[in-house]
PDB file of all heavy atoms in Angstrom:
ATOM      1  N   LEU A   1      20.656   7.699 -19.022  1.00  0.00           N
ATOM      2  CA  LEU A   1      20.550   9.144 -18.789  1.00  0.00           C
ATOM      3  C   LEU A   1      19.302   9.451 -17.971  1.00  0.00           C
ATOM      4  O   LEU A   1      19.345  10.253 -17.027  1.00  0.00           O
ATOM      5  CB  LEU A   1      20.518   9.913 -20.111  1.00  0.00           C
ATOM      6  CG  LEU A   1      20.217  11.414 -20.001  1.00  0.00           C
ATOM      7  CD1 LEU A   1      21.163  12.110 -19.024  1.00  0.00           C
ATOM      8  CD2 LEU A   1      20.270  12.080 -21.372  1.00  0.00           C
ATOM      9  N   ARG A   2      18.190   8.823 -18.323  1.00  0.00           N
ATOM     10  CA  ARG A   2      16.963   9.072 -17.541  1.00  0.00           C
ATOM     11  C   ARG A   2      17.135   8.607 -16.092  1.00  0.00           C
ATOM     12  O   ARG A   2      16.616   9.233 -15.160  1.00  0.00           O
ATOM     13  CB  ARG A   2      15.770   8.397 -18.219  1.00  0.00           C
ATOM     14  CG  ARG A   2      15.329   9.141 -19.490  1.00  0.00           C
ATOM     15  CD  ARG A   2      14.131   8.513 -20.163  1.00  0.00           C
ATOM     16  NE  ARG A   2      14.474   7.306 -20.886  1.00  0.00           N
ATOM     17  CZ  ARG A   2      13.864   6.140 -20.741  1.00  0.00           C
ATOM     18  NH1 ARG A   2      12.865   6.014 -19.880  1.00  0.00           N
ATOM     19  NH2 ARG A   2      14.251   5.094 -21.450  1.00  0.00           N
ATOM     20  N   GLU A   3      17.906   7.555 -15.888  1.00  0.00           N
ATOM     21  CA  GLU A   3      18.201   7.120 -14.516  1.00  0.00           C
ATOM     22  C   GLU A   3      19.071   8.158 -13.801  1.00  0.00           C
ATOM     23  O   GLU A   3      18.873   8.430 -12.603  1.00  0.00           O
ATOM     24  CB  GLU A   3      18.899   5.759 -14.547  1.00  0.00           C
ATOM     25  CG  GLU A   3      17.977   4.619 -14.963  1.00  0.00           C
ATOM     26  CD  GLU A   3      18.712   3.308 -15.196  1.00  0.00           C
ATOM     27  OE1 GLU A   3      19.954   3.341 -15.424  1.00  0.00           O
ATOM     28  OE2 GLU A   3      18.060   2.255 -15.153  1.00  0.00           O
ATOM     29  N   ALA A   4      20.028   8.741 -14.528  1.00  0.00           N
ATOM     30  CA  ALA A   4      20.863   9.791 -13.943  1.00  0.00           C
ATOM     31  C   ALA A   4      20.023  11.012 -13.576  1.00  0.00           C
ATOM     32  O   ALA A   4      20.252  11.660 -12.540  1.00  0.00           O
ATOM     33  CB  ALA A   4      21.981  10.181 -14.912  1.00  0.00           C
ATOM     34  N   ILE A   5      19.048  11.332 -14.429  1.00  0.00           N
ATOM     35  CA  ILE A   5      18.154  12.459 -14.136  1.00  0.00           C
ATOM     36  C   ILE A   5      17.329  12.169 -12.879  1.00  0.00           C
ATOM     37  O   ILE A   5      17.124  13.059 -12.036  1.00  0.00           O
ATOM     38  CB  ILE A   5      17.261  12.753 -15.353  1.00  0.00           C
ATOM     39  CG1 ILE A   5      18.106  13.308 -16.511  1.00  0.00           C
ATOM     40  CG2 ILE A   5      16.149  13.737 -14.993  1.00  0.00           C
ATOM     41  CD1 ILE A   5      17.385  13.370 -17.840  1.00  0.00           C
ATOM     42  N   CYS A   6      16.885  10.938 -12.733  1.00  0.00           N
ATOM     43  CA  CYS A   6      16.154  10.561 -11.520  1.00  0.00           C
ATOM     44  C   CYS A   6      17.031  10.740 -10.278  1.00  0.00           C
ATOM     45  O   CYS A   6      16.566  11.240  -9.240  1.00  0.00           O
ATOM     46  CB  CYS A   6      15.673   9.109 -11.608  1.00  0.00           C
ATOM     47  SG  CYS A   6      14.359   8.835 -12.821  1.00  0.00           S
ATOM     48  N   ARG A   7      18.283  10.337 -10.374  1.00  0.00           N
ATOM     49  CA  ARG A   7      19.199  10.517  -9.240  1.00  0.00           C
ATOM     50  C   ARG A   7      19.392  11.997  -8.939  1.00  0.00           C
ATOM     51  O   ARG A   7      19.425  12.398  -7.767  1.00  0.00           O
ATOM     52  CB  ARG A   7      20.559   9.861  -9.542  1.00  0.00           C
ATOM     53  CG  ARG A   7      20.528   8.348  -9.632  1.00  0.00           C
ATOM     54  CD  ARG A   7      21.933   7.757  -9.626  1.00  0.00           C
ATOM     55  NE  ARG A   7      22.700   8.100 -10.810  1.00  0.00           N
ATOM     56  CZ  ARG A   7      22.698   7.395 -11.948  1.00  0.00           C
ATOM     57  NH1 ARG A   7      21.935   6.318 -12.057  1.00  0.00           N
ATOM     58  NH2 ARG A   7      23.449   7.760 -12.963  1.00  0.00           N
ATOM     59  N   LYS A   8      19.537  12.790  -9.985  1.00  0.00           N
ATOM     60  CA  LYS A   8      19.708  14.231  -9.800  1.00  0.00           C
ATOM     61  C   LYS A   8      18.487  14.852  -9.133  1.00  0.00           C
ATOM     62  O   LYS A   8      18.609  15.674  -8.207  1.00  0.00           O
ATOM     63  CB  LYS A   8      19.973  14.891 -11.161  1.00  0.00           C
ATOM     64  CG  LYS A   8      19.993  16.415 -11.134  1.00  0.00           C
ATOM     65  CD  LYS A   8      18.646  16.976 -11.566  1.00  0.00           C
ATOM     66  CE  LYS A   8      18.567  18.464 -11.473  1.00  0.00           C
ATOM     67  NZ  LYS A   8      18.628  19.005 -10.126  1.00  0.00           N
ATOM     68  N   PHE A   9      17.286  14.490  -9.592  1.00  0.00           N
ATOM     69  CA  PHE A   9      16.066  15.031  -8.991  1.00  0.00           C
ATOM     70  C   PHE A   9      15.983  14.673  -7.502  1.00  0.00           C
ATOM     71  O   PHE A   9      15.573  15.491  -6.682  1.00  0.00           O
ATOM     72  CB  PHE A   9      14.831  14.504  -9.724  1.00  0.00           C
ATOM     73  CG  PHE A   9      14.408  15.336 -10.902  1.00  0.00           C
ATOM     74  CD1 PHE A   9      14.117  14.735 -12.127  1.00  0.00           C
ATOM     75  CD2 PHE A   9      14.255  16.703 -10.804  1.00  0.00           C
ATOM     76  CE1 PHE A   9      13.691  15.491 -13.219  1.00  0.00           C
ATOM     77  CE2 PHE A   9      13.844  17.468 -11.885  1.00  0.00           C
ATOM     78  CZ  PHE A   9      13.561  16.870 -13.092  1.00  0.00           C
ATOM     79  N   LYS A  10      16.369  13.443  -7.167  1.00  0.00           N
ATOM     80  CA  LYS A  10      16.312  13.028  -5.762  1.00  0.00           C
ATOM     81  C   LYS A  10      17.342  13.778  -4.935  1.00  0.00           C
ATOM     82  O   LYS A  10      17.043  14.263  -3.832  1.00  0.00           O
ATOM     83  CB  LYS A  10      16.549  11.519  -5.666  1.00  0.00           C
ATOM     84  CG  LYS A  10      16.358  10.961  -4.264  1.00  0.00           C
ATOM     85  CD  LYS A  10      14.912  11.119  -3.796  1.00  0.00           C
ATOM     86  CE  LYS A  10      14.696  10.509  -2.429  1.00  0.00           C
ATOM     87  NZ  LYS A  10      13.312  10.738  -1.938  1.00  0.00           N
ATOM     88  N   ARG A  11      18.552  13.883  -5.446  1.00  0.00           N
ATOM     89  CA  ARG A  11      19.655  14.523  -4.715  1.00  0.00           C
ATOM     90  C   ARG A  11      19.439  16.022  -4.522  1.00  0.00           C
ATOM     91  O   ARG A  11      19.615  16.551  -3.420  1.00  0.00           O
ATOM     92  CB  ARG A  11      20.958  14.292  -5.499  1.00  0.00           C
ATOM     93  CG  ARG A  11      22.210  14.902  -4.865  1.00  0.00           C
ATOM     94  CD  ARG A  11      23.358  14.879  -5.874  1.00  0.00           C
ATOM     95  NE  ARG A  11      23.117  15.792  -6.999  1.00  0.00           N
ATOM     96  CZ  ARG A  11      23.707  15.666  -8.192  1.00  0.00           C
ATOM     97  NH1 ARG A  11      24.534  14.674  -8.435  1.00  0.00           N
ATOM     98  NH2 ARG A  11      23.451  16.552  -9.153  1.00  0.00           N
ATOM     99  N   ASP A  12      19.037  16.706  -5.591  1.00  0.00           N
ATOM    100  CA  ASP A  12      18.993  18.169  -5.562  1.00  0.00           C
ATOM    101  C   ASP A  12      17.617  18.744  -5.246  1.00  0.00           C
ATOM    102  O   ASP A  12      17.524  19.895  -4.801  1.00  0.00           O
ATOM    103  CB  ASP A  12      19.438  18.738  -6.920  1.00  0.00           C
ATOM    104  CG  ASP A  12      20.862  18.368  -7.273  1.00  0.00           C
ATOM    105  OD1 ASP A  12      21.621  18.008  -6.357  1.00  0.00           O
ATOM    106  OD2 ASP A  12      21.212  18.440  -8.477  1.00  0.00           O
ATOM    107  N   ASN A  13      16.562  17.980  -5.516  1.00  0.00           N
ATOM    108  CA  ASN A  13      15.215  18.552  -5.460  1.00  0.00           C
ATOM    109  C   ASN A  13      14.250  17.794  -4.557  1.00  0.00           C
ATOM    110  O   ASN A  13      13.076  18.177  -4.469  1.00  0.00           O
ATOM    111  CB  ASN A  13      14.624  18.617  -6.877  1.00  0.00           C
ATOM    112  CG  ASN A  13      15.579  19.260  -7.868  1.00  0.00           C
ATOM    113  OD1 ASN A  13      16.274  18.571  -8.609  1.00  0.00           O
ATOM    114  ND2 ASN A  13      15.655  20.581  -7.864  1.00  0.00           N
ATOM    115  N   ASN A  14      14.720  16.718  -3.942  1.00  0.00           N
ATOM    116  CA  ASN A  14      13.843  15.896  -3.088  1.00  0.00           C
ATOM    117  C   ASN A  14      12.627  15.399  -3.862  1.00  0.00           C
ATOM    118  O   ASN A  14      11.511  15.353  -3.350  1.00  0.00           O
ATOM    119  CB  ASN A  14      13.407  16.671  -1.842  1.00  0.00           C
ATOM    120  CG  ASN A  14      12.778  15.778  -0.794  1.00  0.00           C
ATOM    121  OD1 ASN A  14      13.133  14.602  -0.670  1.00  0.00           O
ATOM    122  ND2 ASN A  14      11.829  16.320  -0.033  1.00  0.00           N
ATOM    123  N   LEU A  15      12.855  15.008  -5.116  1.00  0.00           N
ATOM    124  CA  LEU A  15      11.780  14.522  -5.981  1.00  0.00           C
ATOM    125  C   LEU A  15      12.079  13.080  -6.389  1.00  0.00           C
ATOM    126  O   LEU A  15      13.184  12.783  -6.860  1.00  0.00           O
ATOM    127  CB  LEU A  15      11.654  15.385  -7.236  1.00  0.00           C
ATOM    128  CG  LEU A  15      11.209  16.833  -7.025  1.00  0.00           C
ATOM    129  CD1 LEU A  15      11.271  17.603  -8.343  1.00  0.00           C
ATOM    130  CD2 LEU A  15       9.796  16.881  -6.452  1.00  0.00           C
ATOM    131  N   THR A  16      11.108  12.219  -6.225  1.00  0.00           N
ATOM    132  CA  THR A  16      11.273  10.815  -6.598  1.00  0.00           C
ATOM    133  C   THR A  16      10.550  10.549  -7.907  1.00  0.00           C
ATOM    134  O   THR A  16       9.314  10.619  -7.981  1.00  0.00           O
ATOM    135  CB  THR A  16      10.708   9.897  -5.499  1.00  0.00           C
ATOM    136  OG1 THR A  16      11.402  10.154  -4.274  1.00  0.00           O
ATOM    137  CG2 THR A  16      10.899   8.439  -5.879  1.00  0.00           C
ATOM    138  N   TYR A  17      11.324  10.283  -8.949  1.00  0.00           N
ATOM    139  CA  TYR A  17      10.772   9.952 -10.260  1.00  0.00           C
ATOM    140  C   TYR A  17      11.340   8.614 -10.711  1.00  0.00           C
ATOM    141  O   TYR A  17      12.435   8.213 -10.307  1.00  0.00           O
ATOM    142  CB  TYR A  17      11.136  11.014 -11.303  1.00  0.00           C
ATOM    143  CG  TYR A  17      10.432  12.339 -11.155  1.00  0.00           C
ATOM    144  CD1 TYR A  17      11.156  13.524 -10.995  1.00  0.00           C
ATOM    145  CD2 TYR A  17       9.046  12.418 -11.196  1.00  0.00           C
ATOM    146  CE1 TYR A  17      10.514  14.755 -10.881  1.00  0.00           C
ATOM    147  CE2 TYR A  17       8.396  13.643 -11.084  1.00  0.00           C
ATOM    148  CZ  TYR A  17       9.137  14.803 -10.926  1.00  0.00           C
ATOM    149  OH  TYR A  17       8.497  16.013 -10.809  1.00  0.00           O
ATOM    150  N   SER A  18      10.600   7.947 -11.593  1.00  0.00           N
ATOM    151  CA  SER A  18      11.068   6.750 -12.281  1.00  0.00           C
ATOM    152  C   SER A  18      11.425   7.133 -13.714  1.00  0.00           C
ATOM    153  O   SER A  18      10.936   8.158 -14.230  1.00  0.00           O
ATOM    154  CB  SER A  18       9.974   5.678 -12.284  1.00  0.00           C
ATOM    155  OG  SER A  18       9.623   5.330 -10.963  1.00  0.00           O
ATOM    156  N   PRO A  19      12.248   6.342 -14.385  1.00  0.00           N
ATOM    157  CA  PRO A  19      12.635   6.693 -15.758  1.00  0.00           C
ATOM    158  C   PRO A  19      11.451   6.911 -16.698  1.00  0.00           C
ATOM    159  O   PRO A  19      11.565   7.707 -17.638  1.00  0.00           O
ATOM    160  CB  PRO A  19      13.495   5.497 -16.193  1.00  0.00           C
ATOM    161  CG  PRO A  19      14.102   5.007 -14.920  1.00  0.00           C
ATOM    162  CD  PRO A  19      13.027   5.178 -13.885  1.00  0.00           C
ATOM    163  N   ASN A  20      10.305   6.229 -16.457  1.00  0.00           N
ATOM    164  CA  ASN A  20       9.167   6.428 -17.349  1.00  0.00           C
ATOM    165  C   ASN A  20       8.468   7.768 -17.115  1.00  0.00           C
ATOM    166  O   ASN A  20       7.518   8.104 -17.817  1.00  0.00           O
ATOM    167  CB  ASN A  20       8.154   5.284 -17.211  1.00  0.00           C
ATOM    168  CG  ASN A  20       7.446   5.268 -15.871  1.00  0.00           C
ATOM    169  OD1 ASN A  20       7.973   5.744 -14.863  1.00  0.00           O
ATOM    170  ND2 ASN A  20       6.242   4.716 -15.851  1.00  0.00           N
ATOM    171  N   GLN A  21       8.953   8.519 -16.142  1.00  0.00           N
ATOM    172  CA  GLN A  21       8.424   9.860 -15.883  1.00  0.00           C
ATOM    173  C   GLN A  21       9.337  10.952 -16.431  1.00  0.00           C
ATOM    174  O   GLN A  21       9.071  12.136 -16.227  1.00  0.00           O
ATOM    175  CB  GLN A  21       8.231  10.071 -14.374  1.00  0.00           C
ATOM    176  CG  GLN A  21       7.186   9.180 -13.736  1.00  0.00           C
ATOM    177  CD  GLN A  21       7.112   9.393 -12.237  1.00  0.00           C
ATOM    178  OE1 GLN A  21       7.843   8.768 -11.472  1.00  0.00           O
ATOM    179  NE2 GLN A  21       6.245  10.299 -11.816  1.00  0.00           N
ATOM    180  N   ILE A  22      10.382  10.552 -17.119  1.00  0.00           N
ATOM    181  CA  ILE A  22      11.403  11.482 -17.630  1.00  0.00           C
ATOM    182  C   ILE A  22      11.390  11.472 -19.153  1.00  0.00           C
ATOM    183  O   ILE A  22      11.293  10.411 -19.771  1.00  0.00           O
ATOM    184  CB  ILE A  22      12.805  11.069 -17.144  1.00  0.00           C
ATOM    185  CG1 ILE A  22      12.856  10.917 -15.621  1.00  0.00           C
ATOM    186  CG2 ILE A  22      13.863  12.051 -17.639  1.00  0.00           C
ATOM    187  CD1 ILE A  22      12.585  12.179 -14.838  1.00  0.00           C
ATOM    188  N   VAL A  23      11.501  12.649 -19.766  1.00  0.00           N
ATOM    189  CA  VAL A  23      11.685  12.764 -21.212  1.00  0.00           C
ATOM    190  C   VAL A  23      12.835  13.736 -21.463  1.00  0.00           C
ATOM    191  O   VAL A  23      12.824  14.864 -20.965  1.00  0.00           O
ATOM    192  CB  VAL A  23      10.422  13.257 -21.931  1.00  0.00           C
ATOM    193  CG1 VAL A  23      10.677  13.359 -23.440  1.00  0.00           C
ATOM    194  CG2 VAL A  23       9.246  12.341 -21.654  1.00  0.00           C
ATOM    195  N   VAL A  24      13.811  13.300 -22.229  1.00  0.00           N
ATOM    196  CA  VAL A  24      14.952  14.128 -22.615  1.00  0.00           C
ATOM    197  C   VAL A  24      14.646  14.764 -23.963  1.00  0.00           C
ATOM    198  O   VAL A  24      14.188  14.083 -24.894  1.00  0.00           O
ATOM    199  CB  VAL A  24      16.236  13.283 -22.707  1.00  0.00           C
ATOM    200  CG1 VAL A  24      17.422  14.147 -23.128  1.00  0.00           C
ATOM    201  CG2 VAL A  24      16.512  12.594 -21.368  1.00  0.00           C
ATOM    202  N   SER A  25      14.906  16.063 -24.088  1.00  0.00           N
ATOM    203  CA  SER A  25      14.557  16.783 -25.313  1.00  0.00           C
ATOM    204  C   SER A  25      15.727  17.629 -25.800  1.00  0.00           C
ATOM    205  O   SER A  25      16.754  17.748 -25.124  1.00  0.00           O
ATOM    206  CB  SER A  25      13.339  17.693 -25.057  1.00  0.00           C
ATOM    207  OG  SER A  25      12.218  16.935 -24.667  1.00  0.00           O
ATOM    208  N   THR A  26      15.537  18.209 -26.966  1.00  0.00           N
ATOM    209  CA  THR A  26      16.563  19.069 -27.550  1.00  0.00           C
ATOM    210  C   THR A  26      16.459  20.460 -26.926  1.00  0.00           C
ATOM    211  O   THR A  26      15.960  21.404 -27.533  1.00  0.00           O
ATOM    212  CB  THR A  26      16.422  19.121 -29.075  1.00  0.00           C
ATOM    213  OG1 THR A  26      16.471  17.795 -29.588  1.00  0.00           O
ATOM    214  CG2 THR A  26      17.528  19.939 -29.706  1.00  0.00           C
ATOM    215  N   GLY A  27      16.902  20.570 -25.693  1.00  0.00           N
ATOM    216  CA  GLY A  27      16.825  21.818 -24.948  1.00  0.00           C
ATOM    217  C   GLY A  27      15.566  21.902 -24.104  1.00  0.00           C
ATOM    218  O   GLY A  27      14.542  21.286 -24.407  1.00  0.00           O
ATOM    219  N   ALA A  28      15.644  22.680 -23.018  1.00  0.00           N
ATOM    220  CA  ALA A  28      14.487  22.861 -22.140  1.00  0.00           C
ATOM    221  C   ALA A  28      13.333  23.538 -22.869  1.00  0.00           C
ATOM    222  O   ALA A  28      12.167  23.327 -22.527  1.00  0.00           O
ATOM    223  CB  ALA A  28      14.893  23.664 -20.900  1.00  0.00           C
ATOM    224  N   LYS A  29      13.649  24.337 -23.878  1.00  0.00           N
ATOM    225  CA  LYS A  29      12.578  24.989 -24.639  1.00  0.00           C
ATOM    226  C   LYS A  29      11.686  23.957 -25.318  1.00  0.00           C
ATOM    227  O   LYS A  29      10.460  24.097 -25.333  1.00  0.00           O
ATOM    228  CB  LYS A  29      13.170  25.949 -25.680  1.00  0.00           C
ATOM    229  CG  LYS A  29      12.111  26.781 -26.426  1.00  0.00           C
ATOM    230  CD  LYS A  29      12.740  27.682 -27.486  1.00  0.00           C
ATOM    231  CE  LYS A  29      13.490  28.819 -26.880  1.00  0.00           C
ATOM    232  NZ  LYS A  29      13.914  29.838 -27.890  1.00  0.00           N
ATOM    233  N   GLN A  30      12.289  22.901 -25.867  1.00  0.00           N
ATOM    234  CA  GLN A  30      11.457  21.857 -26.466  1.00  0.00           C
ATOM    235  C   GLN A  30      10.656  21.129 -25.396  1.00  0.00           C
ATOM    236  O   GLN A  30       9.495  20.761 -25.637  1.00  0.00           O
ATOM    237  CB  GLN A  30      12.298  20.849 -27.253  1.00  0.00           C
ATOM    238  CG  GLN A  30      11.398  19.838 -27.974  1.00  0.00           C
ATOM    239  CD  GLN A  30      12.134  18.779 -28.765  1.00  0.00           C
ATOM    240  OE1 GLN A  30      13.286  18.480 -28.506  1.00  0.00           O
ATOM    241  NE2 GLN A  30      11.458  18.192 -29.732  1.00  0.00           N
ATOM    242  N   SER A  31      11.238  20.911 -24.229  1.00  0.00           N
ATOM    243  CA  SER A  31      10.486  20.288 -23.144  1.00  0.00           C
ATOM    244  C   SER A  31       9.235  21.099 -22.822  1.00  0.00           C
ATOM    245  O   SER A  31       8.133  20.551 -22.662  1.00  0.00           O
ATOM    246  CB  SER A  31      11.359  20.173 -21.881  1.00  0.00           C
ATOM    247  OG  SER A  31      12.489  19.362 -22.102  1.00  0.00           O
ATOM    248  N   ILE A  32       9.389  22.410 -22.734  1.00  0.00           N
ATOM    249  CA  ILE A  32       8.258  23.286 -22.424  1.00  0.00           C
ATOM    250  C   ILE A  32       7.221  23.237 -23.542  1.00  0.00           C
ATOM    251  O   ILE A  32       6.010  23.148 -23.290  1.00  0.00           O
ATOM    252  CB  ILE A  32       8.762  24.724 -22.189  1.00  0.00           C
ATOM    253  CG1 ILE A  32       9.620  24.769 -20.916  1.00  0.00           C
ATOM    254  CG2 ILE A  32       7.596  25.703 -22.086  1.00  0.00           C
ATOM    255  CD1 ILE A  32      10.408  26.056 -20.748  1.00  0.00           C
ATOM    256  N   ALA A  33       7.679  23.275 -24.781  1.00  0.00           N
ATOM    257  CA  ALA A  33       6.749  23.222 -25.913  1.00  0.00           C
ATOM    258  C   ALA A  33       6.000  21.894 -25.941  1.00  0.00           C
ATOM    259  O   ALA A  33       4.784  21.860 -26.190  1.00  0.00           O
ATOM    260  CB  ALA A  33       7.509  23.440 -27.217  1.00  0.00           C
ATOM    261  N   ASN A  34       6.713  20.805 -25.703  1.00  0.00           N
ATOM    262  CA  ASN A  34       6.047  19.499 -25.653  1.00  0.00           C
ATOM    263  C   ASN A  34       4.908  19.504 -24.635  1.00  0.00           C
ATOM    264  O   ASN A  34       3.794  19.045 -24.914  1.00  0.00           O
ATOM    265  CB  ASN A  34       7.048  18.405 -25.257  1.00  0.00           C
ATOM    266  CG  ASN A  34       8.003  18.019 -26.371  1.00  0.00           C
ATOM    267  OD1 ASN A  34       7.789  18.342 -27.533  1.00  0.00           O
ATOM    268  ND2 ASN A  34       9.064  17.330 -26.002  1.00  0.00           N
ATOM    269  N   ILE A  35       5.197  19.985 -23.443  1.00  0.00           N
ATOM    270  CA  ILE A  35       4.209  19.988 -22.358  1.00  0.00           C
ATOM    271  C   ILE A  35       2.996  20.815 -22.742  1.00  0.00           C
ATOM    272  O   ILE A  35       1.843  20.397 -22.549  1.00  0.00           O
ATOM    273  CB  ILE A  35       4.855  20.499 -21.060  1.00  0.00           C
ATOM    274  CG1 ILE A  35       5.929  19.515 -20.579  1.00  0.00           C
ATOM    275  CG2 ILE A  35       3.807  20.726 -19.975  1.00  0.00           C
ATOM    276  CD1 ILE A  35       6.930  20.121 -19.617  1.00  0.00           C
ATOM    277  N   ALA A  36       3.235  22.006 -23.277  1.00  0.00           N
ATOM    278  CA  ALA A  36       2.120  22.866 -23.671  1.00  0.00           C
ATOM    279  C   ALA A  36       1.277  22.210 -24.762  1.00  0.00           C
ATOM    280  O   ALA A  36       0.038  22.238 -24.717  1.00  0.00           O
ATOM    281  CB  ALA A  36       2.648  24.217 -24.149  1.00  0.00           C
ATOM    282  N   LEU A  37       1.935  21.591 -25.729  1.00  0.00           N
ATOM    283  CA  LEU A  37       1.203  21.018 -26.854  1.00  0.00           C
ATOM    284  C   LEU A  37       0.393  19.782 -26.468  1.00  0.00           C
ATOM    285  O   LEU A  37      -0.621  19.481 -27.104  1.00  0.00           O
ATOM    286  CB  LEU A  37       2.171  20.683 -27.986  1.00  0.00           C
ATOM    287  CG  LEU A  37       2.768  21.900 -28.708  1.00  0.00           C
ATOM    288  CD1 LEU A  37       3.909  21.478 -29.621  1.00  0.00           C
ATOM    289  CD2 LEU A  37       1.704  22.653 -29.496  1.00  0.00           C
TER     290      LEU A  37
END
């Protein structure tokens, strides 16, 4: 899944990420909370 997210970022956003730069969470709200915390 993290590899699929990397492909999506490259295809749609011109962003190059590796799987170790991706974290999947229980909704984008948790992603935002994680980052803030």
